[in-house]
PDB file of all heavy atoms in Angstrom:
ATOM      1  N   ILE A   1     -31.607 -62.822  83.272  1.00  0.00           N
ATOM      2  CA  ILE A   1     -30.382 -62.801  84.032  1.00  0.00           C
ATOM      3  C   ILE A   1     -29.963 -64.225  84.395  1.00  0.00           C
ATOM      4  O   ILE A   1     -30.609 -65.172  83.884  1.00  0.00           O
ATOM      5  CB  ILE A   1     -30.549 -61.999  85.326  1.00  0.00           C
ATOM      6  CG1 ILE A   1     -31.617 -62.637  86.251  1.00  0.00           C
ATOM      7  CG2 ILE A   1     -30.959 -60.559  84.990  1.00  0.00           C
ATOM      8  CD1 ILE A   1     -31.690 -62.032  87.637  1.00  0.00           C
ATOM      9  N   SER A   2     -28.975 -64.419  85.222  1.00  0.00           N
ATOM     10  CA  SER A   2     -28.578 -65.733  85.694  1.00  0.00           C
ATOM     11  C   SER A   2     -28.416 -65.680  87.211  1.00  0.00           C
ATOM     12  O   SER A   2     -27.732 -64.822  87.706  1.00  0.00           O
ATOM     13  CB  SER A   2     -27.245 -66.131  85.041  1.00  0.00           C
ATOM     14  OG  SER A   2     -26.826 -67.423  85.554  1.00  0.00           O
ATOM     15  N   VAL A   3     -29.132 -66.575  87.850  1.00  0.00           N
ATOM     16  CA  VAL A   3     -28.990 -66.680  89.340  1.00  0.00           C
ATOM     17  C   VAL A   3     -27.958 -67.770  89.630  1.00  0.00           C
ATOM     18  O   VAL A   3     -28.175 -68.930  89.367  1.00  0.00           O
ATOM     19  CB  VAL A   3     -30.349 -67.036  89.981  1.00  0.00           C
ATOM     20  CG1 VAL A   3     -30.191 -67.143  91.536  1.00  0.00           C
ATOM     21  CG2 VAL A   3     -31.414 -66.040  89.633  1.00  0.00           C
ATOM     22  N   LYS A   4     -26.766 -67.360  90.159  1.00  0.00           N
ATOM     23  CA  LYS A   4     -25.681 -68.290  90.388  1.00  0.00           C
ATOM     24  C   LYS A   4     -25.856 -69.048  91.690  1.00  0.00           C
ATOM     25  O   LYS A   4     -25.522 -70.210  91.831  1.00  0.00           O
ATOM     26  CB  LYS A   4     -24.368 -67.570  90.416  1.00  0.00           C
ATOM     27  CG  LYS A   4     -24.047 -66.805  89.075  1.00  0.00           C
ATOM     28  CD  LYS A   4     -24.122 -67.665  87.864  1.00  0.00           C
ATOM     29  CE  LYS A   4     -23.029 -68.717  87.823  1.00  0.00           C
ATOM     30  NZ  LYS A   4     -23.079 -69.570  86.631  1.00  0.00           N
ATOM     31  N   SER A   5     -26.377 -68.343  92.737  1.00  0.00           N
ATOM     32  CA  SER A   5     -26.548 -69.027  93.992  1.00  0.00           C
ATOM     33  C   SER A   5     -27.482 -68.190  94.884  1.00  0.00           C
ATOM     34  O   SER A   5     -27.641 -66.983  94.704  1.00  0.00           O
ATOM     35  CB  SER A   5     -25.227 -69.174  94.754  1.00  0.00           C
ATOM     36  OG  SER A   5     -24.659 -67.920  95.126  1.00  0.00           O
ATOM     37  N   ILE A   6     -28.103 -68.896  95.843  1.00  0.00           N
ATOM     38  CA  ILE A   6     -28.896 -68.196  96.874  1.00  0.00           C
ATOM     39  C   ILE A   6     -28.528 -68.906  98.212  1.00  0.00           C
ATOM     40  O   ILE A   6     -28.289 -70.135  98.233  1.00  0.00           O
ATOM     41  CB  ILE A   6     -30.410 -68.271  96.670  1.00  0.00           C
ATOM     42  CG1 ILE A   6     -30.889 -69.696  96.395  1.00  0.00           C
ATOM     43  CG2 ILE A   6     -30.831 -67.331  95.556  1.00  0.00           C
ATOM     44  CD1 ILE A   6     -32.387 -69.795  96.334  1.00  0.00           C
ATOM     45  N   GLU A   7     -28.526 -68.190  99.285  1.00  0.00           N
ATOM     46  CA  GLU A   7     -28.259 -68.738 100.602  1.00  0.00           C
ATOM     47  C   GLU A   7     -28.902 -67.909 101.677  1.00  0.00           C
ATOM     48  O   GLU A   7     -29.293 -66.744 101.449  1.00  0.00           O
ATOM     49  CB  GLU A   7     -26.710 -68.769 100.815  1.00  0.00           C
ATOM     50  CG  GLU A   7     -26.027 -67.443 100.785  1.00  0.00           C
ATOM     51  CD  GLU A   7     -24.482 -67.601 101.083  1.00  0.00           C
ATOM     52  OE1 GLU A   7     -24.157 -68.256 102.048  1.00  0.00           O
ATOM     53  OE2 GLU A   7     -23.716 -66.989 100.355  1.00  0.00           O
ATOM     54  N   ILE A   8     -29.063 -68.507 102.827  1.00  0.00           N
ATOM     55  CA  ILE A   8     -29.613 -67.831 103.981  1.00  0.00           C
ATOM     56  C   ILE A   8     -28.546 -67.810 105.078  1.00  0.00           C
ATOM     57  O   ILE A   8     -28.052 -68.860 105.460  1.00  0.00           O
ATOM     58  CB  ILE A   8     -30.863 -68.535 104.519  1.00  0.00           C
ATOM     59  CG1 ILE A   8     -31.999 -68.480 103.473  1.00  0.00           C
ATOM     60  CG2 ILE A   8     -31.402 -67.870 105.796  1.00  0.00           C
ATOM     61  CD1 ILE A   8     -33.178 -69.368 103.747  1.00  0.00           C
ATOM     62  N   ARG A   9     -28.186 -66.588 105.502  1.00  0.00           N
ATOM     63  CA  ARG A   9     -27.101 -66.433 106.442  1.00  0.00           C
ATOM     64  C   ARG A   9     -27.484 -65.413 107.506  1.00  0.00           C
ATOM     65  O   ARG A   9     -27.717 -64.240 107.164  1.00  0.00           O
ATOM     66  CB  ARG A   9     -25.821 -65.984 105.753  1.00  0.00           C
ATOM     67  CG  ARG A   9     -24.581 -65.898 106.552  1.00  0.00           C
ATOM     68  CD  ARG A   9     -23.442 -65.231 105.813  1.00  0.00           C
ATOM     69  NE  ARG A   9     -23.255 -65.812 104.483  1.00  0.00           N
ATOM     70  CZ  ARG A   9     -22.600 -65.178 103.536  1.00  0.00           C
ATOM     71  NH1 ARG A   9     -22.190 -63.924 103.740  1.00  0.00           N
ATOM     72  NH2 ARG A   9     -22.467 -65.763 102.352  1.00  0.00           N
ATOM     73  N   ARG A  10     -27.574 -65.836 108.781  1.00  0.00           N
ATOM     74  CA  ARG A  10     -27.940 -64.963 109.874  1.00  0.00           C
ATOM     75  C   ARG A  10     -29.203 -64.183 109.589  1.00  0.00           C
ATOM     76  O   ARG A  10     -29.293 -62.973 109.871  1.00  0.00           O
ATOM     77  CB  ARG A  10     -26.767 -64.053 110.190  1.00  0.00           C
ATOM     78  CG  ARG A  10     -25.528 -64.732 110.693  1.00  0.00           C
ATOM     79  CD  ARG A  10     -24.452 -63.781 111.135  1.00  0.00           C
ATOM     80  NE  ARG A  10     -24.012 -62.909 110.075  1.00  0.00           N
ATOM     81  CZ  ARG A  10     -23.073 -63.230 109.256  1.00  0.00           C
ATOM     82  NH1 ARG A  10     -22.431 -64.378 109.350  1.00  0.00           N
ATOM     83  NH2 ARG A  10     -22.712 -62.385 108.280  1.00  0.00           N
ATOM     84  N   GLY A  11     -30.231 -64.827 109.080  1.00  0.00           N
ATOM     85  CA  GLY A  11     -31.480 -64.210 108.799  1.00  0.00           C
ATOM     86  C   GLY A  11     -31.607 -63.441 107.535  1.00  0.00           C
ATOM     87  O   GLY A  11     -32.629 -62.945 107.134  1.00  0.00           O
ATOM     88  N   GLU A  12     -30.450 -63.289 106.807  1.00  0.00           N
ATOM     89  CA  GLU A  12     -30.464 -62.571 105.514  1.00  0.00           C
ATOM     90  C   GLU A  12     -30.581 -63.587 104.383  1.00  0.00           C
ATOM     91  O   GLU A  12     -29.992 -64.645 104.429  1.00  0.00           O
ATOM     92  CB  GLU A  12     -29.174 -61.711 105.378  1.00  0.00           C
ATOM     93  CG  GLU A  12     -29.095 -60.554 106.362  1.00  0.00           C
ATOM     94  CD  GLU A  12     -27.879 -59.734 106.118  1.00  0.00           C
ATOM     95  OE1 GLU A  12     -27.066 -60.114 105.218  1.00  0.00           O
ATOM     96  OE2 GLU A  12     -27.690 -58.712 106.805  1.00  0.00           O
ATOM     97  N   VAL A  13     -31.230 -63.155 103.320  1.00  0.00           N
ATOM     98  CA  VAL A  13     -31.301 -63.960 102.071  1.00  0.00           C
ATOM     99  C   VAL A  13     -30.351 -63.317 101.129  1.00  0.00           C
ATOM    100  O   VAL A  13     -30.504 -62.144 100.743  1.00  0.00           O
ATOM    101  CB  VAL A  13     -32.712 -63.981 101.487  1.00  0.00           C
ATOM    102  CG1 VAL A  13     -32.777 -64.817 100.252  1.00  0.00           C
ATOM    103  CG2 VAL A  13     -33.748 -64.518 102.540  1.00  0.00           C
ATOM    104  N   ILE A  14     -29.317 -64.077 100.664  1.00  0.00           N
ATOM    105  CA  ILE A  14     -28.294 -63.549  99.822  1.00  0.00           C
ATOM    106  C   ILE A  14     -28.331 -64.208  98.459  1.00  0.00           C
ATOM    107  O   ILE A  14     -28.305 -65.430  98.351  1.00  0.00           O
ATOM    108  CB  ILE A  14     -26.962 -63.740 100.487  1.00  0.00           C
ATOM    109  CG1 ILE A  14     -26.884 -63.087 101.872  1.00  0.00           C
ATOM    110  CG2 ILE A  14     -25.816 -63.221  99.594  1.00  0.00           C
ATOM    111  CD1 ILE A  14     -25.661 -63.424 102.701  1.00  0.00           C
ATOM    112  N   ALA A  15     -28.407 -63.409  97.396  1.00  0.00           N
ATOM    113  CA  ALA A  15     -28.493 -63.895  96.050  1.00  0.00           C
ATOM    114  C   ALA A  15     -27.300 -63.376  95.245  1.00  0.00           C
ATOM    115  O   ALA A  15     -27.014 -62.167  95.248  1.00  0.00           O
ATOM    116  CB  ALA A  15     -29.820 -63.456  95.358  1.00  0.00           C
ATOM    117  N   THR A  16     -26.614 -64.271  94.557  1.00  0.00           N
ATOM    118  CA  THR A  16     -25.512 -63.870  93.651  1.00  0.00           C
ATOM    119  C   THR A  16     -26.063 -64.050  92.255  1.00  0.00           C
ATOM    120  O   THR A  16     -26.506 -65.140  91.836  1.00  0.00           O
ATOM    121  CB  THR A  16     -24.313 -64.795  93.891  1.00  0.00           C
ATOM    122  OG1 THR A  16     -23.882 -64.689  95.230  1.00  0.00           O
ATOM    123  CG2 THR A  16     -23.170 -64.380  92.949  1.00  0.00           C
ATOM    124  N   LEU A  17     -25.920 -62.904  91.482  1.00  0.00           N
ATOM    125  CA  LEU A  17     -26.559 -62.851  90.149  1.00  0.00           C
ATOM    126  C   LEU A  17     -25.514 -62.461  89.085  1.00  0.00           C
ATOM    127  O   LEU A  17     -24.517 -61.843  89.408  1.00  0.00           O
ATOM    128  CB  LEU A  17     -27.705 -61.803  90.128  1.00  0.00           C
ATOM    129  CG  LEU A  17     -28.691 -61.834  91.306  1.00  0.00           C
ATOM    130  CD1 LEU A  17     -29.572 -60.589  91.202  1.00  0.00           C
ATOM    131  CD2 LEU A  17     -29.497 -63.091  91.272  1.00  0.00           C
ATOM    132  N   LEU A  18     -25.806 -62.816  87.862  1.00  0.00           N
ATOM    133  CA  LEU A  18     -25.089 -62.271  86.715  1.00  0.00           C
ATOM    134  C   LEU A  18     -26.091 -61.433  85.920  1.00  0.00           C
ATOM    135  O   LEU A  18     -27.194 -61.921  85.554  1.00  0.00           O
ATOM    136  CB  LEU A  18     -24.546 -63.374  85.803  1.00  0.00           C
ATOM    137  CG  LEU A  18     -23.422 -64.230  86.356  1.00  0.00           C
ATOM    138  CD1 LEU A  18     -22.983 -65.263  85.324  1.00  0.00           C
ATOM    139  CD2 LEU A  18     -22.226 -63.373  86.763  1.00  0.00           C
ATOM    140  N   ILE A  19     -25.755 -60.140  85.731  1.00  0.00           N
ATOM    141  CA  ILE A  19     -26.657 -59.207  84.986  1.00  0.00           C
ATOM    142  C   ILE A  19     -25.870 -58.561  83.883  1.00  0.00           C
ATOM    143  O   ILE A  19     -24.673 -58.862  83.697  1.00  0.00           O
ATOM    144  CB  ILE A  19     -27.218 -58.127  85.939  1.00  0.00           C
ATOM    145  CG1 ILE A  19     -26.071 -57.244  86.526  1.00  0.00           C
ATOM    146  CG2 ILE A  19     -27.987 -58.760  87.106  1.00  0.00           C
ATOM    147  CD1 ILE A  19     -26.561 -56.071  87.318  1.00  0.00           C
ATOM    148  N   ARG A  20     -26.501 -57.645  83.169  1.00  0.00           N
ATOM    149  CA  ARG A  20     -25.815 -56.916  82.100  1.00  0.00           C
ATOM    150  C   ARG A  20     -25.454 -55.557  82.561  1.00  0.00           C
ATOM    151  O   ARG A  20     -26.096 -55.021  83.495  1.00  0.00           O
ATOM    152  CB  ARG A  20     -26.774 -56.788  80.879  1.00  0.00           C
ATOM    153  CG  ARG A  20     -27.124 -58.079  80.221  1.00  0.00           C
ATOM    154  CD  ARG A  20     -28.249 -57.900  79.196  1.00  0.00           C
ATOM    155  NE  ARG A  20     -28.857 -59.192  78.931  1.00  0.00           N
ATOM    156  CZ  ARG A  20     -29.746 -59.776  79.659  1.00  0.00           C
ATOM    157  NH1 ARG A  20     -30.180 -59.131  80.782  1.00  0.00           N
ATOM    158  NH2 ARG A  20     -30.256 -60.919  79.328  1.00  0.00           N
ATOM    159  N   ALA A  21     -24.455 -54.961  81.884  1.00  0.00           N
ATOM    160  CA  ALA A  21     -24.149 -53.548  82.175  1.00  0.00           C
ATOM    161  C   ALA A  21     -25.286 -52.686  81.642  1.00  0.00           C
ATOM    162  O   ALA A  21     -26.063 -53.136  80.789  1.00  0.00           O
ATOM    163  CB  ALA A  21     -22.843 -53.155  81.509  1.00  0.00           C
ATOM    164  N   GLU A  22     -25.437 -51.477  82.183  1.00  0.00           N
ATOM    165  CA  GLU A  22     -26.588 -50.650  81.846  1.00  0.00           C
ATOM    166  C   GLU A  22     -26.624 -50.296  80.349  1.00  0.00           C
ATOM    167  O   GLU A  22     -27.707 -50.058  79.818  1.00  0.00           O
ATOM    168  CB  GLU A  22     -26.545 -49.367  82.679  1.00  0.00           C
ATOM    169  CG  GLU A  22     -26.794 -49.556  84.161  1.00  0.00           C
ATOM    170  CD  GLU A  22     -26.856 -48.251  84.893  1.00  0.00           C
ATOM    171  OE1 GLU A  22     -26.676 -47.180  84.278  1.00  0.00           O
ATOM    172  OE2 GLU A  22     -27.047 -48.291  86.148  1.00  0.00           O
ATOM    173  N   ASP A  23     -25.485 -50.236  79.711  1.00  0.00           N
ATOM    174  CA  ASP A  23     -25.477 -49.845  78.291  1.00  0.00           C
ATOM    175  C   ASP A  23     -25.501 -51.103  77.341  1.00  0.00           C
ATOM    176  O   ASP A  23     -25.372 -50.901  76.157  1.00  0.00           O
ATOM    177  CB  ASP A  23     -24.245 -49.023  77.990  1.00  0.00           C
ATOM    178  CG  ASP A  23     -22.923 -49.728  78.352  1.00  0.00           C
ATOM    179  OD1 ASP A  23     -23.009 -50.815  79.053  1.00  0.00           O
ATOM    180  OD2 ASP A  23     -21.853 -49.275  77.966  1.00  0.00           O
ATOM    181  N   GLU A  24     -25.659 -52.260  77.929  1.00  0.00           N
ATOM    182  CA  GLU A  24     -25.708 -53.474  77.068  1.00  0.00           C
ATOM    183  C   GLU A  24     -27.144 -53.783  76.644  1.00  0.00           C
ATOM    184  O   GLU A  24     -28.081 -53.587  77.391  1.00  0.00           O
ATOM    185  CB  GLU A  24     -25.144 -54.697  77.796  1.00  0.00           C
ATOM    186  CG  GLU A  24     -23.677 -54.623  78.034  1.00  0.00           C
ATOM    187  CD  GLU A  24     -23.106 -55.887  78.653  1.00  0.00           C
ATOM    188  OE1 GLU A  24     -23.641 -56.310  79.689  1.00  0.00           O
ATOM    189  OE2 GLU A  24     -22.155 -56.504  78.094  1.00  0.00           O
ATOM    190  N   PRO A  25     -27.332 -54.341  75.428  1.00  0.00           N
ATOM    191  CA  PRO A  25     -28.667 -54.721  74.985  1.00  0.00           C
ATOM    192  C   PRO A  25     -29.143 -55.998  75.713  1.00  0.00           C
ATOM    193  O   PRO A  25     -28.325 -56.749  76.258  1.00  0.00           O
ATOM    194  CB  PRO A  25     -28.473 -54.959  73.479  1.00  0.00           C
ATOM    195  CG  PRO A  25     -27.041 -55.366  73.335  1.00  0.00           C
ATOM    196  CD  PRO A  25     -26.304 -54.561  74.398  1.00  0.00           C
ATOM    197  N   MET A  26     -30.429 -56.230  75.631  1.00  0.00           N
ATOM    198  CA  MET A  26     -31.000 -57.405  76.327  1.00  0.00           C
ATOM    199  C   MET A  26     -30.480 -58.730  75.672  1.00  0.00           C
ATOM    200  O   MET A  26     -30.521 -59.809  76.311  1.00  0.00           O
ATOM    201  CB  MET A  26     -32.506 -57.389  76.279  1.00  0.00           C
ATOM    202  CG  MET A  26     -33.113 -56.290  77.139  1.00  0.00           C
ATOM    203  SD  MET A  26     -32.673 -56.430  78.923  1.00  0.00           S
ATOM    204  CE  MET A  26     -33.422 -58.022  79.293  1.00  0.00           C
ATOM    205  N   CYS A  27     -30.024 -58.664  74.418  1.00  0.00           N
ATOM    206  CA  CYS A  27     -29.567 -59.863  73.764  1.00  0.00           C
ATOM    207  C   CYS A  27     -28.169 -60.284  74.246  1.00  0.00           C
ATOM    208  O   CYS A  27     -27.682 -61.380  73.953  1.00  0.00           O
ATOM    209  CB  CYS A  27     -29.572 -59.717  72.271  1.00  0.00           C
ATOM    210  SG  CYS A  27     -28.539 -58.362  71.662  1.00  0.00           S
ATOM    211  N   ALA A  28     -27.475 -59.386  74.968  1.00  0.00           N
ATOM    212  CA  ALA A  28     -26.141 -59.660  75.476  1.00  0.00           C
ATOM    213  C   ALA A  28     -26.242 -60.674  76.588  1.00  0.00           C
ATOM    214  O   ALA A  28     -27.138 -60.694  77.414  1.00  0.00           O
ATOM    215  CB  ALA A  28     -25.437 -58.382  75.923  1.00  0.00           C
ATOM    216  N   LYS A  29     -25.187 -61.525  76.695  1.00  0.00           N
ATOM    217  CA  LYS A  29     -25.171 -62.544  77.752  1.00  0.00           C
ATOM    218  C   LYS A  29     -24.803 -61.842  79.090  1.00  0.00           C
ATOM    219  O   LYS A  29     -23.854 -61.066  79.131  1.00  0.00           O
ATOM    220  CB  LYS A  29     -24.091 -63.607  77.434  1.00  0.00           C
ATOM    221  CG  LYS A  29     -24.033 -64.696  78.434  1.00  0.00           C
ATOM    222  CD  LYS A  29     -22.988 -65.736  78.027  1.00  0.00           C
ATOM    223  CE  LYS A  29     -22.882 -66.833  79.081  1.00  0.00           C
ATOM    224  NZ  LYS A  29     -21.880 -67.905  78.699  1.00  0.00           N
ATOM    225  N   PRO A  30     -25.568 -62.100  80.108  1.00  0.00           N
ATOM    226  CA  PRO A  30     -25.253 -61.431  81.399  1.00  0.00           C
ATOM    227  C   PRO A  30     -23.907 -61.901  81.921  1.00  0.00           C
ATOM    228  O   PRO A  30     -23.684 -63.125  82.063  1.00  0.00           O
ATOM    229  CB  PRO A  30     -26.422 -61.920  82.311  1.00  0.00           C
ATOM    230  CG  PRO A  30     -26.948 -63.086  81.687  1.00  0.00           C
ATOM    231  CD  PRO A  30     -26.759 -62.964  80.217  1.00  0.00           C
ATOM    232  N   ALA A  31     -23.027 -60.991  82.309  1.00  0.00           N
ATOM    233  CA  ALA A  31     -21.703 -61.313  82.749  1.00  0.00           C
ATOM    234  C   ALA A  31     -21.181 -60.508  83.894  1.00  0.00           C
ATOM    235  O   ALA A  31     -20.116 -60.716  84.383  1.00  0.00           O
ATOM    236  CB  ALA A  31     -20.700 -61.206  81.568  1.00  0.00           C
ATOM    237  N   VAL A  32     -22.015 -59.528  84.376  1.00  0.00           N
ATOM    238  CA  VAL A  32     -21.632 -58.671  85.454  1.00  0.00           C
ATOM    239  C   VAL A  32     -22.128 -59.334  86.717  1.00  0.00           C
ATOM    240  O   VAL A  32     -23.375 -59.454  86.995  1.00  0.00           O
ATOM    241  CB  VAL A  32     -22.231 -57.287  85.335  1.00  0.00           C
ATOM    242  CG1 VAL A  32     -21.856 -56.409  86.487  1.00  0.00           C
ATOM    243  CG2 VAL A  32     -21.779 -56.630  84.009  1.00  0.00           C
ATOM    244  N   LYS A  33     -21.201 -59.685  87.617  1.00  0.00           N
ATOM    245  CA  LYS A  33     -21.530 -60.425  88.852  1.00  0.00           C
ATOM    246  C   LYS A  33     -21.896 -59.423  89.972  1.00  0.00           C
ATOM    247  O   LYS A  33     -21.089 -58.508  90.246  1.00  0.00           O
ATOM    248  CB  LYS A  33     -20.410 -61.324  89.296  1.00  0.00           C
ATOM    249  CG  LYS A  33     -20.714 -62.210  90.533  1.00  0.00           C
ATOM    250  CD  LYS A  33     -19.578 -63.102  90.791  1.00  0.00           C
ATOM    251  CE  LYS A  33     -19.826 -63.987  92.022  1.00  0.00           C
ATOM    252  NZ  LYS A  33     -18.685 -64.901  92.333  1.00  0.00           N
ATOM    253  N   ILE A  34     -23.012 -59.625  90.605  1.00  0.00           N
ATOM    254  CA  ILE A  34     -23.424 -58.763  91.748  1.00  0.00           C
ATOM    255  C   ILE A  34     -23.933 -59.719  92.841  1.00  0.00           C
ATOM    256  O   ILE A  34     -24.414 -60.826  92.587  1.00  0.00           O
ATOM    257  CB  ILE A  34     -24.457 -57.729  91.419  1.00  0.00           C
ATOM    258  CG1 ILE A  34     -25.753 -58.407  90.976  1.00  0.00           C
ATOM    259  CG2 ILE A  34     -23.919 -56.786  90.377  1.00  0.00           C
ATOM    260  CD1 ILE A  34     -26.934 -57.407  90.891  1.00  0.00           C
ATOM    261  N   THR A  35     -23.845 -59.217  94.070  1.00  0.00           N
ATOM    262  CA  THR A  35     -24.447 -59.950  95.220  1.00  0.00           C
ATOM    263  C   THR A  35     -25.363 -59.033  95.963  1.00  0.00           C
ATOM    264  O   THR A  35     -24.993 -57.886  96.281  1.00  0.00           O
ATOM    265  CB  THR A  35     -23.318 -60.448  96.194  1.00  0.00           C
ATOM    266  OG1 THR A  35     -22.473 -61.380  95.500  1.00  0.00           O
ATOM    267  CG2 THR A  35     -23.923 -61.210  97.368  1.00  0.00           C
TER     268      THR A  35
END
């Protein structure tokens, strides 16, 4: 995957990631952004 950012805010650890869609193969470039 790709880790775009991490931060600590009010005691929470927040990670912004790029992952693949469930139907995409592992060779696909991760492009689905989640937090």
